[in-house]
Protein backbone atom coordinates (compact mmCIF):
# COMPACT_ATOMS: atom_id res chain seq x y z
CA MET A 1 -114.07 25.44 -20.41
CA LYS A 2 -112.74 24.74 -16.92
CA THR A 3 -112.35 27.76 -14.67
CA ILE A 4 -108.94 28.70 -13.34
CA LEU A 5 -108.86 31.24 -10.52
CA HIS A 6 -105.93 33.67 -10.56
CA TYR A 7 -105.40 35.32 -7.19
CA LYS A 8 -103.17 38.28 -6.45
CA ALA A 9 -103.02 39.92 -3.06
CA GLY A 10 -103.10 43.68 -3.50
CA SER A 11 -104.37 45.28 -6.66
CA TYR A 12 -104.86 44.08 -10.21
CA LEU A 13 -102.74 45.46 -11.72
CA PRO A 14 -99.75 47.75 -11.05
CA ILE A 15 -98.28 49.18 -14.24
CA THR A 16 -94.98 47.33 -13.64
CA GLU A 17 -96.55 43.83 -13.55
CA THR A 18 -97.51 43.36 -17.19
CA TRP A 19 -96.25 39.76 -17.23
CA ILE A 20 -99.14 38.59 -15.01
CA HIS A 21 -101.67 40.05 -17.43
CA GLU A 22 -99.94 38.38 -20.40
CA GLN A 23 -100.23 34.96 -18.74
CA ILE A 24 -103.91 35.33 -17.97
CA LYS A 25 -105.25 36.94 -21.15
CA ASN A 26 -103.56 34.39 -23.43
CA LEU A 27 -105.11 31.29 -21.86
CA LYS A 28 -106.95 29.23 -24.47
CA LYS A 29 -108.07 25.98 -22.84
CA TYR A 30 -109.17 27.46 -19.52
CA GLN A 31 -111.49 30.29 -18.53
CA PRO A 32 -109.73 32.60 -16.06
CA VAL A 33 -111.37 34.54 -13.26
CA ILE A 34 -109.31 37.02 -11.23
CA TYR A 35 -109.54 37.65 -7.50
CA ALA A 36 -107.71 40.71 -6.13
CA HIS A 37 -108.10 43.14 -3.27
CA ASP A 38 -108.55 46.14 -5.54
CA LYS A 39 -108.49 47.20 -9.19
CA GLU A 40 -106.34 49.74 -11.01
CA ASN A 41 -105.10 50.52 -14.52
CA MET A 42 -108.05 48.77 -16.12
CA ASP A 43 -107.57 50.97 -19.18
CA ILE A 44 -104.02 49.63 -19.57
CA PHE A 45 -104.96 46.02 -18.83
CA PRO A 46 -108.34 45.40 -20.49
CA LEU A 47 -109.90 42.10 -19.49
CA GLY A 48 -112.61 41.66 -22.11
CA ASN A 49 -114.91 38.87 -20.89
CA ILE A 50 -112.62 37.87 -18.02
CA LYS A 51 -114.32 38.43 -14.66
CA ILE A 52 -112.50 40.17 -11.84
CA ARG A 53 -113.67 39.92 -8.23
CA SER A 54 -112.40 42.41 -5.66
CA LEU A 55 -113.12 43.26 -2.03
CA GLU A 56 -115.54 46.00 -3.02
CA LEU A 57 -119.19 44.94 -3.23
CA LYS A 58 -120.25 47.87 -5.37
CA LYS A 59 -119.12 51.44 -5.66
CA GLY A 60 -121.47 52.86 -3.05
CA LEU A 61 -120.38 50.34 -0.40
CA ARG A 62 -116.72 50.14 -1.32
CA ASP A 63 -115.04 51.45 1.86
CA PRO A 64 -117.27 49.83 4.51
CA PHE A 65 -117.29 46.51 2.65
CA ILE A 66 -113.51 46.47 2.31
CA PHE A 67 -113.23 47.33 6.03
CA PHE A 68 -115.54 44.41 6.90
CA ASN A 69 -113.57 41.96 4.74
CA GLU A 70 -110.22 43.09 6.11
CA GLY A 71 -111.48 42.77 9.69
CA TRP A 72 -112.90 39.30 9.05
CA ASN A 73 -109.64 38.21 7.45
CA LYS A 74 -107.60 39.30 10.48
CA VAL A 75 -109.73 37.09 12.72
CA PHE A 76 -110.51 34.08 10.49
CA ASN A 77 -107.69 34.21 7.87
CA PHE A 78 -109.90 34.46 4.79
CA TYR A 79 -112.03 37.04 3.00
CA PRO A 80 -115.76 36.23 3.11
CA ILE A 81 -116.41 37.86 -0.28
CA PHE A 82 -113.91 35.46 -1.85
CA ALA A 83 -115.54 32.48 -0.14
CA PHE A 84 -118.93 33.60 -1.46
CA ASN A 85 -117.57 33.99 -4.99
CA LEU A 86 -115.83 30.61 -4.87
CA ILE A 87 -119.24 29.00 -4.42
CA LYS A 88 -120.39 30.71 -7.63
CA ASP A 89 -117.21 30.32 -9.70
CA ARG A 90 -116.31 26.75 -8.67
CA PRO A 91 -112.72 26.87 -10.01
CA LYS A 92 -110.91 23.64 -10.76
CA LEU A 93 -107.59 25.11 -9.68
CA VAL A 94 -106.19 28.28 -8.11
CA HIS A 95 -103.04 29.97 -9.41
CA ALA A 96 -101.65 32.46 -6.88
CA HIS A 97 -99.23 35.15 -8.03
CA PHE A 98 -96.45 35.89 -5.50
CA GLY A 99 -95.68 33.81 -2.42
CA PRO A 100 -97.80 35.82 0.04
CA SER A 101 -100.83 35.37 -2.24
CA GLY A 102 -100.41 31.60 -2.09
CA TYR A 103 -100.07 31.64 1.68
CA SER A 104 -103.10 33.87 2.22
CA PHE A 105 -105.29 31.49 0.18
CA LEU A 106 -104.47 28.36 2.22
CA LYS A 107 -107.56 28.65 4.44
CA LEU A 108 -109.88 28.81 1.43
CA LYS A 109 -107.95 25.97 -0.23
CA LYS A 110 -108.67 23.80 2.79
CA MET A 111 -112.33 24.85 2.90
CA PHE A 112 -112.98 24.17 -0.82
CA ASN A 113 -110.35 21.48 -1.49
CA PHE A 114 -108.89 22.84 -4.72
CA PRO A 115 -105.28 22.38 -5.88
CA LEU A 116 -103.04 25.43 -5.49
CA ILE A 117 -100.17 26.60 -7.71
CA THR A 118 -98.04 29.52 -6.52
CA THR A 119 -95.67 31.50 -8.75
CA PHE A 120 -92.78 33.32 -7.11
CA TYR A 121 -91.41 36.40 -8.86
CA GLY A 122 -88.51 37.86 -6.86
CA PHE A 123 -88.90 39.97 -3.75
CA ASP A 124 -91.17 37.30 -2.27
CA LEU A 125 -88.32 34.79 -2.08
CA SER A 126 -85.45 37.20 -1.40
CA MET A 127 -86.24 40.41 0.45
CA LEU A 128 -89.44 39.31 2.21
CA PRO A 129 -88.09 36.31 4.16
CA GLN A 130 -84.85 38.17 4.90
CA GLN A 131 -86.56 41.24 6.33
CA TYR A 132 -89.45 39.39 7.96
CA PRO A 133 -88.33 35.96 9.27
CA GLU A 134 -91.93 34.99 10.03
CA TRP A 135 -92.34 34.45 6.29
CA LYS A 136 -89.86 31.58 6.44
CA ILE A 137 -92.28 29.86 8.83
CA ARG A 138 -95.32 30.75 6.72
CA TYR A 139 -93.64 29.44 3.59
CA LYS A 140 -92.99 26.08 5.27
CA ARG A 141 -96.75 25.71 5.63
CA LEU A 142 -97.29 26.85 2.03
CA PHE A 143 -94.69 24.34 0.76
CA LYS A 144 -96.41 21.59 2.73
CA GLU A 145 -99.99 22.33 1.67
CA GLY A 146 -99.54 23.78 -1.85
CA GLU A 147 -99.22 21.41 -4.81
CA LYS A 148 -96.82 23.15 -7.22
CA PHE A 149 -94.52 26.17 -7.25
CA LEU A 150 -93.44 28.00 -10.39
CA VAL A 151 -90.27 30.07 -10.83
CA GLU A 152 -88.76 31.95 -13.77
CA GLY A 153 -85.38 30.22 -13.88
CA HIS A 154 -82.89 27.93 -12.19
CA HIS A 155 -81.48 30.59 -9.86
CA MET A 156 -84.96 31.14 -8.47
CA LYS A 157 -85.41 27.39 -8.18
CA LYS A 158 -82.31 27.12 -6.00
CA CYS A 159 -83.54 30.02 -3.83
CA LEU A 160 -86.87 28.27 -3.31
CA ILE A 161 -85.14 25.00 -2.40
CA ASP A 162 -82.98 26.92 0.11
CA LEU A 163 -86.19 28.21 1.72
CA GLY A 164 -87.34 24.62 2.21
CA CYS A 165 -89.52 23.91 -0.82
CA PRO A 166 -89.31 20.27 -2.02
CA GLU A 167 -87.44 20.24 -5.34
CA GLU A 168 -89.91 17.85 -6.96
CA ARG A 169 -92.71 20.39 -6.52
CA ILE A 170 -90.87 23.21 -8.32
CA ILE A 171 -91.31 23.86 -12.04
CA VAL A 172 -89.23 26.33 -14.06
CA GLN A 173 -91.77 28.25 -16.13
CA HIS A 174 -90.43 31.15 -18.17
CA LEU A 175 -92.46 34.31 -18.45
CA GLY A 176 -93.62 35.05 -21.98
CA ILE A 177 -93.94 38.23 -23.99
CA ASP A 178 -96.21 39.10 -26.91
CA LEU A 179 -94.01 38.87 -30.00
CA GLU A 180 -96.85 40.13 -32.18
CA LYS A 181 -96.57 43.49 -30.42
CA ILE A 182 -92.79 43.52 -30.34
CA LYS A 183 -91.41 43.49 -33.87
CA TYR A 184 -87.77 42.83 -34.62
CA VAL A 185 -85.98 45.93 -35.89
CA PRO A 186 -82.19 45.72 -36.39
CA ARG A 187 -80.33 48.58 -34.69
CA LYS A 188 -78.00 50.44 -37.02
CA LEU A 189 -76.03 53.65 -36.90
CA LEU A 190 -76.68 55.02 -40.36
CA ASP A 191 -74.81 58.26 -39.78
CA GLU A 192 -71.53 58.27 -37.84
CA ASN A 193 -72.31 61.76 -36.55
CA LYS A 194 -75.76 60.79 -35.31
CA GLU A 195 -76.33 60.61 -31.56
CA ILE A 196 -76.23 57.22 -29.87
CA ARG A 197 -79.25 56.64 -27.65
CA ILE A 198 -79.16 54.42 -24.56
CA LEU A 199 -82.32 53.37 -22.72
CA ILE A 200 -82.99 52.44 -19.09
CA SER A 201 -86.46 51.36 -18.00
CA ALA A 202 -86.95 50.50 -14.33
CA SER A 203 -88.52 51.61 -11.08
CA PHE A 204 -86.24 53.64 -8.84
CA ARG A 205 -85.28 50.77 -6.58
CA GLU A 206 -81.79 49.90 -5.40
CA LYS A 207 -81.86 46.49 -7.09
CA LYS A 208 -82.15 48.16 -10.52
CA GLY A 209 -78.62 49.59 -10.26
CA ILE A 210 -79.47 52.83 -12.06
CA PRO A 211 -76.72 54.94 -10.40
CA TYR A 212 -74.13 52.49 -11.76
CA ALA A 213 -75.66 52.85 -15.21
CA VAL A 214 -75.39 56.65 -14.99
CA GLU A 215 -71.77 56.37 -13.80
CA ALA A 216 -70.93 54.11 -16.75
CA PHE A 217 -72.65 56.46 -19.16
CA VAL A 218 -70.62 59.41 -17.83
CA ARG A 219 -67.32 57.53 -18.20
CA VAL A 220 -68.04 56.69 -21.82
CA LYS A 221 -69.22 60.21 -22.57
CA GLN A 222 -66.07 61.70 -21.07
CA ALA A 223 -63.88 59.26 -22.99
CA HIS A 224 -65.52 60.21 -26.30
CA PRO A 225 -66.23 63.95 -26.34
CA GLU A 226 -66.40 63.79 -30.13
CA MET A 227 -69.54 61.61 -29.98
CA LYS A 228 -73.14 62.55 -29.19
CA PHE A 229 -75.00 60.57 -26.51
CA ILE A 230 -78.51 60.55 -25.06
CA LEU A 231 -79.48 58.56 -21.96
CA THR A 232 -83.23 58.07 -21.51
CA ILE A 233 -84.66 56.82 -18.21
CA ILE A 234 -88.24 55.53 -17.99
CA GLY A 235 -89.29 55.05 -14.39
CA ASP A 236 -89.77 56.79 -11.07
CA SER A 237 -90.21 56.30 -7.34
CA ARG A 238 -93.53 55.02 -6.03
CA GLY A 239 -93.17 57.27 -3.00
CA THR A 240 -91.72 54.87 -0.43
CA SER A 241 -88.82 56.13 1.66
CA ALA A 242 -86.43 53.61 0.10
CA GLU A 243 -87.41 54.55 -3.46
CA GLU A 244 -87.28 58.28 -2.71
CA LYS A 245 -83.78 57.74 -1.35
CA GLU A 246 -82.79 55.92 -4.55
CA LYS A 247 -84.38 58.65 -6.65
CA LYS A 248 -82.28 61.28 -4.86
CA LYS A 249 -79.17 59.17 -5.47
CA ILE A 250 -79.93 58.99 -9.19
CA PHE A 251 -80.58 62.73 -9.50
CA ASP A 252 -77.52 63.55 -7.39
CA THR A 253 -75.35 61.47 -9.72
CA ILE A 254 -76.75 63.30 -12.75
CA ASP A 255 -76.15 66.67 -11.06
CA LYS A 256 -72.66 65.69 -9.93
CA TYR A 257 -71.51 65.23 -13.52
CA ASN A 258 -73.62 68.05 -14.95
CA ILE A 259 -75.21 65.87 -17.64
CA LYS A 260 -78.81 67.09 -17.52
CA ASP A 261 -78.52 68.23 -21.13
CA CYS A 262 -78.08 64.65 -22.36
CA VAL A 263 -80.35 62.78 -19.92
CA LYS A 264 -84.09 62.50 -20.56
CA MET A 265 -86.19 61.62 -17.50
CA LEU A 266 -89.61 60.40 -18.67
CA GLY A 267 -91.03 59.13 -15.38
CA TYR A 268 -93.46 56.22 -15.37
CA GLN A 269 -95.01 55.68 -18.78
CA PRO A 270 -97.66 53.34 -20.21
CA TYR A 271 -96.50 50.26 -22.06
CA SER A 272 -97.14 51.86 -25.44
CA VAL A 273 -94.59 54.58 -24.68
CA PHE A 274 -92.04 52.01 -23.51
CA LEU A 275 -92.43 50.18 -26.83
CA ARG A 276 -92.08 53.41 -28.79
CA GLU A 277 -88.91 54.32 -26.91
CA LEU A 278 -87.40 50.87 -27.53
CA TYR A 279 -87.29 51.51 -31.25
CA GLN A 280 -85.87 55.01 -30.82
CA HIS A 281 -82.81 53.74 -28.92
CA HIS A 282 -79.79 51.61 -29.76
CA VAL A 283 -78.69 49.94 -26.50
CA PHE A 284 -80.64 48.71 -23.46
CA LEU A 285 -78.89 49.17 -20.10
CA HIS A 286 -80.08 47.35 -16.96
CA PRO A 287 -77.33 46.63 -14.37
CA SER A 288 -79.34 44.86 -11.63
CA VAL A 289 -77.77 44.29 -8.20
CA HIS A 290 -78.52 42.54 -4.93
CA ALA A 291 -79.98 45.35 -2.82
CA SER A 292 -78.87 45.99 0.77
CA ASP A 293 -82.38 45.12 2.02
CA GLY A 294 -82.22 41.69 0.33
CA ASP A 295 -84.32 42.62 -2.69
CA THR A 296 -83.35 41.04 -6.03
CA GLU A 297 -84.81 40.54 -9.47
CA GLY A 298 -85.40 36.90 -8.52
CA GLY A 299 -85.62 35.91 -12.15
CA ALA A 300 -84.95 38.48 -14.86
CA PRO A 301 -86.68 41.81 -15.62
CA VAL A 302 -89.26 41.40 -18.37
CA SER A 303 -88.05 44.68 -19.85
CA ILE A 304 -84.77 42.95 -20.74
CA ILE A 305 -86.63 40.19 -22.56
CA GLU A 306 -88.72 42.73 -24.46
CA ALA A 307 -85.74 44.90 -25.39
CA SER A 308 -83.83 41.85 -26.63
CA ALA A 309 -86.82 40.72 -28.68
CA SER A 310 -87.00 44.17 -30.31
CA GLY A 311 -83.47 43.81 -31.66
CA MET A 312 -81.45 45.76 -29.09
CA PRO A 313 -78.05 44.68 -27.73
CA ILE A 314 -78.34 44.30 -23.93
CA LEU A 315 -75.87 45.35 -21.24
CA SER A 316 -76.70 43.91 -17.83
CA THR A 317 -75.21 42.02 -14.89
CA MET A 318 -74.61 38.45 -13.80
CA HIS A 319 -77.59 38.67 -11.46
CA CYS A 320 -80.20 36.03 -10.63
CA ASP A 321 -81.65 34.52 -13.85
CA ILE A 322 -80.54 37.32 -16.19
CA PRO A 323 -77.83 34.97 -17.63
CA GLU A 324 -80.66 32.72 -18.88
CA VAL A 325 -82.13 35.65 -20.83
CA VAL A 326 -78.99 37.43 -22.06
CA ILE A 327 -76.45 35.18 -23.79
CA ASN A 328 -73.20 36.76 -22.66
CA GLY A 329 -71.08 37.77 -25.62
CA GLU A 330 -73.78 36.92 -28.14
CA SER A 331 -77.01 38.85 -27.47
CA GLY A 332 -75.31 41.32 -25.17
CA TYR A 333 -72.83 41.52 -22.32
CA LEU A 334 -73.05 40.70 -18.63
CA VAL A 335 -70.72 42.21 -16.05
CA PRO A 336 -70.27 41.82 -12.28
CA GLU A 337 -72.71 43.71 -10.07
CA ARG A 338 -71.85 47.20 -8.78
CA ASP A 339 -68.83 47.57 -11.06
CA ALA A 340 -69.27 50.85 -12.94
CA GLU A 341 -65.78 50.58 -14.43
CA VAL A 342 -66.35 47.23 -16.15
CA LEU A 343 -69.89 48.30 -17.07
CA ALA A 344 -68.40 51.37 -18.79
CA GLU A 345 -65.83 49.24 -20.62
CA ARG A 346 -68.53 46.99 -22.09
CA LEU A 347 -70.77 49.95 -22.90
CA GLU A 348 -67.88 51.64 -24.67
CA PHE A 349 -67.20 48.50 -26.72
CA ILE A 350 -70.84 48.23 -27.82
CA ILE A 351 -71.03 51.92 -28.71
CA CYS A 352 -67.77 51.91 -30.63
CA HIS A 353 -68.65 48.77 -32.58
CA PRO A 354 -72.09 49.44 -34.09
CA LYS A 355 -71.54 46.60 -36.54
CA VAL A 356 -72.20 44.09 -33.70
CA TRP A 357 -75.60 45.61 -32.88
CA GLU A 358 -77.48 43.76 -35.59
CA GLN A 359 -75.73 40.48 -34.81
CA MET A 360 -76.58 40.77 -31.10
CA GLY A 361 -80.13 41.79 -31.91
CA GLU A 362 -80.64 38.77 -34.16
CA LYS A 363 -79.29 36.41 -31.51
CA GLY A 364 -81.46 37.98 -28.84
CA ARG A 365 -84.61 37.78 -30.95
CA GLU A 366 -83.91 34.15 -31.81
CA HIS A 367 -83.36 33.28 -28.13
CA VAL A 368 -86.55 35.04 -27.02
CA GLU A 369 -88.64 33.45 -29.78
CA LYS A 370 -87.47 30.03 -28.67
CA ASN A 371 -87.76 30.45 -24.89
CA TYR A 372 -89.97 33.45 -24.01
CA ASN A 373 -92.81 33.58 -26.55
CA VAL A 374 -96.01 34.12 -24.55
CA ILE A 375 -97.99 31.75 -26.78
CA THR A 376 -95.53 28.90 -26.20
CA GLN A 377 -95.17 29.64 -22.50
CA VAL A 378 -98.94 29.79 -21.93
CA GLU A 379 -99.26 26.44 -23.70
CA LYS A 380 -96.72 25.05 -21.24
CA LEU A 381 -98.62 26.66 -18.38
CA GLU A 382 -101.82 24.98 -19.54
CA GLU A 383 -99.95 21.66 -19.67
CA ILE A 384 -99.11 22.21 -16.00
CA TYR A 385 -102.80 22.81 -15.31
CA ASP A 386 -103.69 19.65 -17.28
CA ASN A 387 -101.26 17.57 -15.25
CA MET A 388 -102.65 19.00 -12.02
CA MET A 389 -106.15 17.95 -13.07
CA THR A 390 -104.96 14.46 -13.93
CA GLU A 391 -103.17 14.09 -10.59
CA ARG A 392 -106.37 15.02 -8.78
C-alpha cells in the first residue's frame, strides 16, 4: 500500500475534531501516517497500526527536543524531526489539515518533491486572514505551490476563490460520518404530557450562536407554560478570553430568565456521551452566526450531520454550508442569523407539531446517507489521491 502522510499543525487530536480521525482511519487503499506537533486524546481516537510522529523524540527528552525543533523551525521553516521521518516513511502524497498546516509544510514539500493537498475547515479561511492579514500573503504562496485544495461545500469554495485560490484547483469534498455508529431512530412524542428535550452541542464560541438558542428556548417556554421542556447543552469554554466571555454571556442569559431548573449543562463530553444524548432528545438546535472576529463555521458543523443522521429534526441558520446539510422545510428549518424571534417561531412550530419529527428525521437520514457517509466520502477522497498520483 502507498503511504499517505496526514499532517496537522498542533496536536492530534482535539476532542472537537473527530472528522479528521474519521477520514484517516477509514482509508482502505492507502496506508496513512500522521505527523503532528503533539498527541492528545489517544484513548478517544485509537489509531491501531497507524503510526503517528510528533515533535517529541521519546518521553525522557520530550521538552528539550520540542524546544530544539521549534527553534530550528523559526530559523529554517521546517522541523528537522519531520524531515528525518520523511526519509523513513517516503510518502507518495501529503494531505495537510487546515490552511496553516499546508503552508507550514511547503519547505519540506520543496525539499522532498511530493504533491500536497490542503483541506480548509473554517476559521482558517475566515477569521485567520481577517485578523492576521499576513495570512493572505502566505496563502498566495500556498495556492501557487500546492496542488489541490479541499473544502466542505460551495460556500467554502467561493471563500477560497475570494482569497485568490485558482478555482480549478479546488475540490468540494464532503466530510463523512460513521453511519454504523449512528443508527436511525425516529423521534416520537409518545405521551403528550412528557417533557420535550432540546439538545445543543458546541464549544462556547460566538459563532455557535448559543445565546440566541437560549433566548428562543425561553420564548417558547414562556408561550407554553402548560408544556414541559428540557434544554441540554454539551460544550464549554477552552479557557481563551473570547470563549470565557461567551461562556459568561450564555450563563448570564440563563440566569436572566431564571431557567436553571430546565437547563442541563454537561460541559465537554466524549463522543460516546454525545451519541447517547442524541437519542435522549427530540430536536437539535444549532443557530450558527458570523462572529464579530470573522470566525465562521466555514462549512457545516459535523454535529448537525450526525444529529440529522440519527433521526432528529434540525433547527439552524442560513450560515455558510449548513444549507447543503439541512434541507430547509424538509429535514429541518433554517432561519436568518442572530434572529431569536424567528428562531423561536420555528422552534415552536417543531415542538407543537411532533407528527413532523419522523418525516424530517427520515429526510435527514436519507440525505446524509447519500452525501455524508464516511465510507463513500473516503472512497471519493482516495479517488482524489489516485488522480494526484496519475498526474504526477
